[in-house]
C-alpha atoms as a PDB file:
ATOM      1  CA  MET A   1     150.340 101.682 154.183  1.00  0.00           C
ATOM      2  CA  THR A   2     150.974  98.436 152.675  1.00  0.00           C
ATOM      3  CA  ALA A   3     147.553  97.427 153.910  1.00  0.00           C
ATOM      4  CA  GLU A   4     145.890 100.384 151.779  1.00  0.00           C
ATOM      5  CA  ARG A   5     147.682  99.429 148.585  1.00  0.00           C
ATOM      6  CA  PRO A   6     145.433  96.336 148.146  1.00  0.00           C
ATOM      7  CA  ILE A   7     142.214  98.318 148.554  1.00  0.00           C
ATOM      8  CA  PHE A   8     143.277 101.109 146.421  1.00  0.00           C
ATOM      9  CA  THR A   9     144.212  98.381 143.616  1.00  0.00           C
ATOM     10  CA  LYS A  10     141.274  96.283 143.812  1.00  0.00           C
ATOM     11  CA  ARG A  11     139.258  99.371 143.721  1.00  0.00           C
ATOM     12  CA  ARG A  12     141.642 100.850 140.436  1.00  0.00           C
ATOM     13  CA  ALA A  13     140.863  97.192 138.995  1.00  0.00           C
ATOM     14  CA  GLY A  14     136.985  97.353 139.639  1.00  0.00           C
ATOM     15  CA  SER A  15     136.841 100.722 137.948  1.00  0.00           C
ATOM     16  CA  ARG A  16     138.913  99.388 134.732  1.00  0.00           C
ATOM     17  CA  ARG A  17     136.459  96.827 134.704  1.00  0.00           C
ATOM     18  CA  ARG A  18     133.162  98.736 134.349  1.00  0.00           C
ATOM     19  CA  LEU A  19     135.493 100.988 132.070  1.00  0.00           C
ATOM     20  CA  GLY A  20     135.782  98.089 129.430  1.00  0.00           C
ATOM     21  CA  PHE A  21     132.372  96.727 130.342  1.00  0.00           C
ATOM     22  CA  ALA A  22     130.959 100.035 129.349  1.00  0.00           C
ATOM     23  CA  VAL A  23     133.686 100.611 126.014  1.00  0.00           C
ATOM     24  CA  MET A  24     132.057  96.756 125.279  1.00  0.00           C
ATOM     25  CA  ILE A  25     128.216  97.711 125.376  1.00  0.00           C
ATOM     26  CA  ALA A  26     129.181 100.940 123.334  1.00  0.00           C
ATOM     27  CA  LEU A  27     130.902  99.235 120.668  1.00  0.00           C
ATOM     28  CA  ALA A  28     128.217  96.921 120.820  1.00  0.00           C
ATOM     29  CA  VAL A  29     125.655  99.708 120.051  1.00  0.00           C
ATOM     30  CA  LEU A  30     127.692 101.019 117.210  1.00  0.00           C
ATOM     31  CA  TRP A  31     128.005  97.600 115.387  1.00  0.00           C
ATOM     32  CA  LEU A  32     124.333  97.083 115.743  1.00  0.00           C
ATOM     33  CA  ALA A  33     123.896 100.789 114.390  1.00  0.00           C
ATOM     34  CA  ALA A  34     125.994  99.909 111.952  1.00  0.00           C
ATOM     35  CA  ALA A  35     124.306  96.317 111.031  1.00  0.00           C
ATOM     36  CA  SER A  36     120.952  97.781 110.915  1.00  0.00           C
ATOM     37  CA  ARG A  37     119.674 100.299 108.183  1.00  0.00           C
ATOM     38  CA  VAL A  38     117.317 102.763 108.790  1.00  0.00           C
ATOM     39  CA  HIS A  39     114.437 103.010 105.763  1.00  0.00           C
ATOM     40  CA  VAL A  40     111.563 105.372 104.954  1.00  0.00           C
ATOM     41  CA  ASN A  41     107.702 104.273 104.697  1.00  0.00           C
ATOM     42  CA  ALA A  42     107.141 104.706 101.159  1.00  0.00           C
ATOM     43  CA  SER A  43     103.097 103.729 101.767  1.00  0.00           C
ATOM     44  CA  TRP A  44     100.416 104.935 103.559  1.00  0.00           C
ATOM     45  CA  SER A  45      99.620 101.212 104.468  1.00  0.00           C
ATOM     46  CA  ASP A  46     101.672 101.393 107.795  1.00  0.00           C
ATOM     47  CA  GLU A  47     101.422 104.070 110.079  1.00  0.00           C
ATOM     48  CA  ALA A  48     104.812 104.465 111.023  1.00  0.00           C
ATOM     49  CA  TRP A  49     106.982 107.158 109.117  1.00  0.00           C
ATOM     50  CA  GLY A  50     110.320 104.978 108.663  1.00  0.00           C
ATOM     51  CA  TYR A  51     111.464 101.274 110.484  1.00  0.00           C
ATOM     52  CA  ALA A  52     115.052 100.131 111.321  1.00  0.00           C
ATOM     53  CA  ALA A  53     115.995  96.764 109.505  1.00  0.00           C
ATOM     54  CA  PHE A  54     117.686  94.992 112.418  1.00  0.00           C
ATOM     55  CA  PRO A  55     119.701  91.552 110.905  1.00  0.00           C
ATOM     56  CA  LEU A  56     118.364  88.119 111.533  1.00  0.00           C
ATOM     57  CA  PHE A  57     121.616  86.833 113.228  1.00  0.00           C
ATOM     58  CA  GLY A  58     121.144  83.255 111.288  1.00  0.00           C
ATOM     59  CA  THR A  59     117.645  82.881 112.719  1.00  0.00           C
ATOM     60  CA  GLU A  60     114.748  82.638 110.027  1.00  0.00           C
ATOM     61  CA  PRO A  61     112.096  84.992 110.274  1.00  0.00           C
ATOM     62  CA  GLN A  62     108.750  83.414 112.375  1.00  0.00           C
ATOM     63  CA  VAL A  63     104.891  84.034 111.616  1.00  0.00           C
ATOM     64  CA  GLY A  64     103.891  87.253 113.073  1.00  0.00           C
ATOM     65  CA  GLU A  65     107.261  89.394 112.706  1.00  0.00           C
ATOM     66  CA  ARG A  66     108.099  91.992 110.630  1.00  0.00           C
ATOM     67  CA  VAL A  67     110.233  91.969 108.158  1.00  0.00           C
ATOM     68  CA  LEU A  68     111.769  94.128 105.495  1.00  0.00           C
ATOM     69  CA  PHE A  69     112.922  92.627 101.643  1.00  0.00           C
ATOM     70  CA  GLU A  70     113.717  93.822  98.588  1.00  0.00           C
ATOM     71  CA  PRO A  71     110.628  93.388  96.159  1.00  0.00           C
ATOM     72  CA  PRO A  72     111.547  91.695  92.961  1.00  0.00           C
ATOM     73  CA  ASP A  73     113.543  93.536  90.133  1.00  0.00           C
ATOM     74  CA  SER A  74     111.048  93.593  88.354  1.00  0.00           C
ATOM     75  CA  VAL A  75     108.597  95.736  90.151  1.00  0.00           C
ATOM     76  CA  GLY A  76     111.123  98.545  90.046  1.00  0.00           C
ATOM     77  CA  SER A  77     110.819  99.684  93.472  1.00  0.00           C
ATOM     78  CA  PRO A  78     113.583 101.787  95.120  1.00  0.00           C
ATOM     79  CA  VAL A  79     112.978 101.085  98.425  1.00  0.00           C
ATOM     80  CA  PRO A  80     112.062  97.980 100.117  1.00  0.00           C
ATOM     81  CA  TYR A  81     108.840  97.125 101.242  1.00  0.00           C
ATOM     82  CA  LEU A  82     107.529  96.079 104.778  1.00  0.00           C
ATOM     83  CA  LYS A  83     105.195  93.330 105.598  1.00  0.00           C
ATOM     84  CA  ALA A  84     104.456  90.770 107.979  1.00  0.00           C
ATOM     85  CA  VAL A  85     105.398  86.915 107.861  1.00  0.00           C
ATOM     86  CA  ARG A  86     102.600  84.800 107.139  1.00  0.00           C
ATOM     87  CA  GLY A  87     103.642  81.680 105.543  1.00  0.00           C
ATOM     88  CA  LEU A  88     106.437  79.589 106.319  1.00  0.00           C
ATOM     89  CA  PRO A  89     108.188  76.783 104.132  1.00  0.00           C
ATOM     90  CA  GLY A  90     106.119  73.660 103.937  1.00  0.00           C
ATOM     91  CA  MET A  91     102.596  75.842 104.491  1.00  0.00           C
ATOM     92  CA  ALA A  92     100.203  74.955 101.130  1.00  0.00           C
ATOM     93  CA  VAL A  93      99.164  77.673  99.394  1.00  0.00           C
ATOM     94  CA  THR A  94      95.646  77.692  97.877  1.00  0.00           C
ATOM     95  CA  VAL A  95      93.454  80.448  95.628  1.00  0.00           C
ATOM     96  CA  ASP A  96      89.663  79.531  95.780  1.00  0.00           C
ATOM     97  CA  ALA A  97      87.636  81.281  92.590  1.00  0.00           C
ATOM     98  CA  ASP A  98      86.652  84.429  94.223  1.00  0.00           C
ATOM     99  CA  ARG A  99      90.875  85.347  94.832  1.00  0.00           C
ATOM    100  CA  THR A 100      90.698  84.408  98.534  1.00  0.00           C
ATOM    101  CA  VAL A 101      94.481  83.352  99.117  1.00  0.00           C
ATOM    102  CA  HIS A 102      94.579  80.391 102.084  1.00  0.00           C
ATOM    103  CA  LEU A 103      97.390  79.561 103.526  1.00  0.00           C
ATOM    104  CA  ASP A 104      96.695  76.107 104.971  1.00  0.00           C
ATOM    105  CA  GLY A 105      92.802  76.313 104.605  1.00  0.00           C
ATOM    106  CA  GLU A 106      92.786  79.514 106.671  1.00  0.00           C
ATOM    107  CA  PRO A 107      91.936  82.404 104.797  1.00  0.00           C
ATOM    108  CA  VAL A 108      94.666  85.435 104.615  1.00  0.00           C
ATOM    109  CA  GLY A 109      93.304  87.710 102.539  1.00  0.00           C
ATOM    110  CA  GLN A 110      91.616  88.392  98.843  1.00  0.00           C
ATOM    111  CA  ALA A 111      93.716  89.066  95.750  1.00  0.00           C
ATOM    112  CA  LYS A 112      92.558  92.207  93.888  1.00  0.00           C
ATOM    113  CA  THR A 113      92.121  92.390  90.329  1.00  0.00           C
ATOM    114  CA  HIS A 114      93.379  95.303  89.826  1.00  0.00           C
ATOM    115  CA  ALA A 115      95.842  97.714  91.172  1.00  0.00           C
ATOM    116  CA  LEU A 116      95.133 101.544  92.455  1.00  0.00           C
ATOM    117  CA  ASP A 117      96.651 102.709  89.114  1.00  0.00           C
ATOM    118  CA  GLY A 118      94.496 100.256  87.045  1.00  0.00           C
ATOM    119  CA  ARG A 119      97.052  97.536  85.950  1.00  0.00           C
ATOM    120  CA  PRO A 120      95.587  94.159  86.165  1.00  0.00           C
ATOM    121  CA  LEU A 121      97.289  92.381  89.096  1.00  0.00           C
ATOM    122  CA  ALA A 122      97.355  87.974  88.793  1.00  0.00           C
ATOM    123  CA  ALA A 123      97.058  86.164  92.129  1.00  0.00           C
ATOM    124  CA  ILE A 124     100.191  83.904  93.406  1.00  0.00           C
ATOM    125  CA  ALA A 125      99.812  80.580  91.898  1.00  0.00           C
ATOM    126  CA  PRO A 126      98.901  77.633  94.389  1.00  0.00           C
ATOM    127  CA  GLY A 127     101.686  75.403  95.721  1.00  0.00           C
ATOM    128  CA  VAL A 128     103.281  74.537  98.739  1.00  0.00           C
ATOM    129  CA  ILE A 129     105.809  77.390  99.851  1.00  0.00           C
ATOM    130  CA  PRO A 130     109.551  76.122  99.177  1.00  0.00           C
ATOM    131  CA  ASP A 131     112.656  76.018 101.727  1.00  0.00           C
ATOM    132  CA  GLY A 132     113.973  79.219 102.094  1.00  0.00           C
ATOM    133  CA  HIS A 133     111.155  81.235 100.872  1.00  0.00           C
ATOM    134  CA  TYR A 134     108.003  83.268 102.823  1.00  0.00           C
ATOM    135  CA  PHE A 135     104.794  84.474 102.504  1.00  0.00           C
ATOM    136  CA  LEU A 136     104.796  87.886 103.486  1.00  0.00           C
ATOM    137  CA  TYR A 137     101.667  90.227 103.816  1.00  0.00           C
ATOM    138  CA  ALA A 138      99.757  92.916 105.299  1.00  0.00           C
ATOM    139  CA  ASP A 139      96.511  93.449 105.967  1.00  0.00           C
ATOM    140  CA  HIS A 140      96.186  96.828 104.203  1.00  0.00           C
ATOM    141  CA  PRO A 141      93.641  95.962 101.068  1.00  0.00           C
ATOM    142  CA  ASP A 142      95.734  97.822  98.698  1.00  0.00           C
ATOM    143  CA  SER A 143      98.960  95.872 100.375  1.00  0.00           C
ATOM    144  CA  HIS A 144     101.217  94.672  97.295  1.00  0.00           C
ATOM    145  CA  ASP A 145     102.365  91.494  99.203  1.00  0.00           C
ATOM    146  CA  SER A 146     103.035  87.709  98.450  1.00  0.00           C
ATOM    147  CA  ARG A 147      98.947  87.104  97.600  1.00  0.00           C
ATOM    148  CA  TYR A 148     100.482  88.669  94.077  1.00  0.00           C
ATOM    149  CA  ALA A 149     102.581  86.707  91.403  1.00  0.00           C
ATOM    150  CA  GLU A 150     104.887  89.426  90.446  1.00  0.00           C
ATOM    151  CA  ILE A 151     106.079  89.411  94.694  1.00  0.00           C
ATOM    152  CA  GLY A 152     105.391  85.763  94.853  1.00  0.00           C
ATOM    153  CA  LEU A 153     107.221  83.988  97.863  1.00  0.00           C
ATOM    154  CA  VAL A 154     109.471  85.896  98.765  1.00  0.00           C
ATOM    155  CA  PRO A 155     113.138  84.154  98.813  1.00  0.00           C
ATOM    156  CA  ARG A 156     115.619  84.783 102.136  1.00  0.00           C
ATOM    157  CA  ALA A 157     118.164  86.179 100.352  1.00  0.00           C
ATOM    158  CA  ARG A 158     115.685  89.150  99.746  1.00  0.00           C
ATOM    159  CA  ILE A 159     114.800  89.541 103.504  1.00  0.00           C
ATOM    160  CA  LEU A 160     116.879  92.965 105.071  1.00  0.00           C
ATOM    161  CA  GLY A 161     115.837  92.172 108.377  1.00  0.00           C
ATOM    162  CA  ARG A 162     113.158  92.463 111.139  1.00  0.00           C
ATOM    163  CA  ALA A 163     111.603  96.094 111.299  1.00  0.00           C
ATOM    164  CA  VAL A 164     110.881  97.629 113.934  1.00  0.00           C
ATOM    165  CA  ALA A 165     108.915 101.054 114.328  1.00  0.00           C
ATOM    166  CA  LEU A 166     110.692 104.294 114.709  1.00  0.00           C
ATOM    167  CA  PRO A 167     108.846 106.583 116.667  1.00  0.00           C
ATOM    168  CA  ASP A 168     107.093 109.622 115.219  1.00  0.00           C
ATOM    169  CA  LEU A 169     109.430 112.980 115.609  1.00  0.00           C
ATOM    170  CA  PRO A 170     106.602 115.489 114.742  1.00  0.00           C
ATOM    171  CA  TRP A 171     109.269 118.743 115.568  1.00  0.00           C
ATOM    172  CA  ILE A 172     110.774 117.714 112.482  1.00  0.00           C
ATOM    173  CA  GLY A 173     107.661 116.684 110.141  1.00  0.00           C
ATOM    174  CA  LEU A 174     108.114 113.107 110.907  1.00  0.00           C
ATOM    175  CA  LYS A 175     105.052 111.643 111.985  1.00  0.00           C
ATOM    176  CA  GLY A 176     103.138 108.625 110.494  1.00  0.00           C
ATOM    177  CA  PRO A 177     103.081 107.546 107.142  1.00  0.00           C
ATOM    178  CA  LEU A 178     105.084 110.500 104.512  1.00  0.00           C
ATOM    179  CA  VAL A 179     102.781 109.443 101.857  1.00  0.00           C
ATOM    180  CA  GLY A 180      98.878 108.969 100.872  1.00  0.00           C
ATOM    181  CA  PRO A 181      96.774 107.578  98.713  1.00  0.00           C
ATOM    182  CA  GLU A 182      96.889 111.172  96.585  1.00  0.00           C
ATOM    183  CA  ASP A 183     100.261 110.896  96.168  1.00  0.00           C
ATOM    184  CA  ILE A 184      99.262 107.461  93.370  1.00  0.00           C
ATOM    185  CA  GLY A 185     100.108 110.442  90.606  1.00  0.00           C
ATOM    186  CA  ARG A 186     103.433 111.396  91.690  1.00  0.00           C
ATOM    187  CA  ASP A 187     104.441 108.021  92.508  1.00  0.00           C
ATOM    188  CA  ALA A 188     106.350 108.122  95.257  1.00  0.00           C
ATOM    189  CA  THR A 189     107.228 104.688  94.937  1.00  0.00           C
ATOM    190  CA  PRO A 190     106.090 101.891  93.143  1.00  0.00           C
ATOM    191  CA  GLU A 191     104.095 100.371  96.259  1.00  0.00           C
ATOM    192  CA  ALA A 192     102.116 103.806  96.712  1.00  0.00           C
ATOM    193  CA  GLY A 193     100.053 102.684  93.114  1.00  0.00           C
ATOM    194  CA  ARG A 194      99.311  99.572  94.524  1.00  0.00           C
END
């Protein structure tokens, strides 16, 4: 009888460790869910209906990463913008006469003269991206991003986190962008008109 007792104790200890590990994983998942935020895509310039913003955990955004950020208060957007990081601190921003924006000599995109709603748009001023700022961009020609002075170089403090597209849920009406160019008149968000 004494020989069986240690085996039973070892099994019980193994079960407790597995249970403790499962509880730690569950708490980590809950913490990550609480730390991340879900945002509805209010622009037709991207294909997903929404995004989750996950904290950067002390790291800096890298070129190619998609991030959600709060546009400047002067833009008046009630929702964050989704863009990709294209320029890092230390990179040179130049603008040609035809309003083509370059990062370290490589063309990124062209700054339009007017928004879709007819407002004039000023191109970003040339210069070097300072520490703690990023050039954020989207490939869509109507994207309201760092090509324009009113968005400009985005301070790290305004970046909410890395963006992960949420899957389509067509059975509840969540598939693709929730607004389109036809919504400009209704102005779902300030970005919808840009």
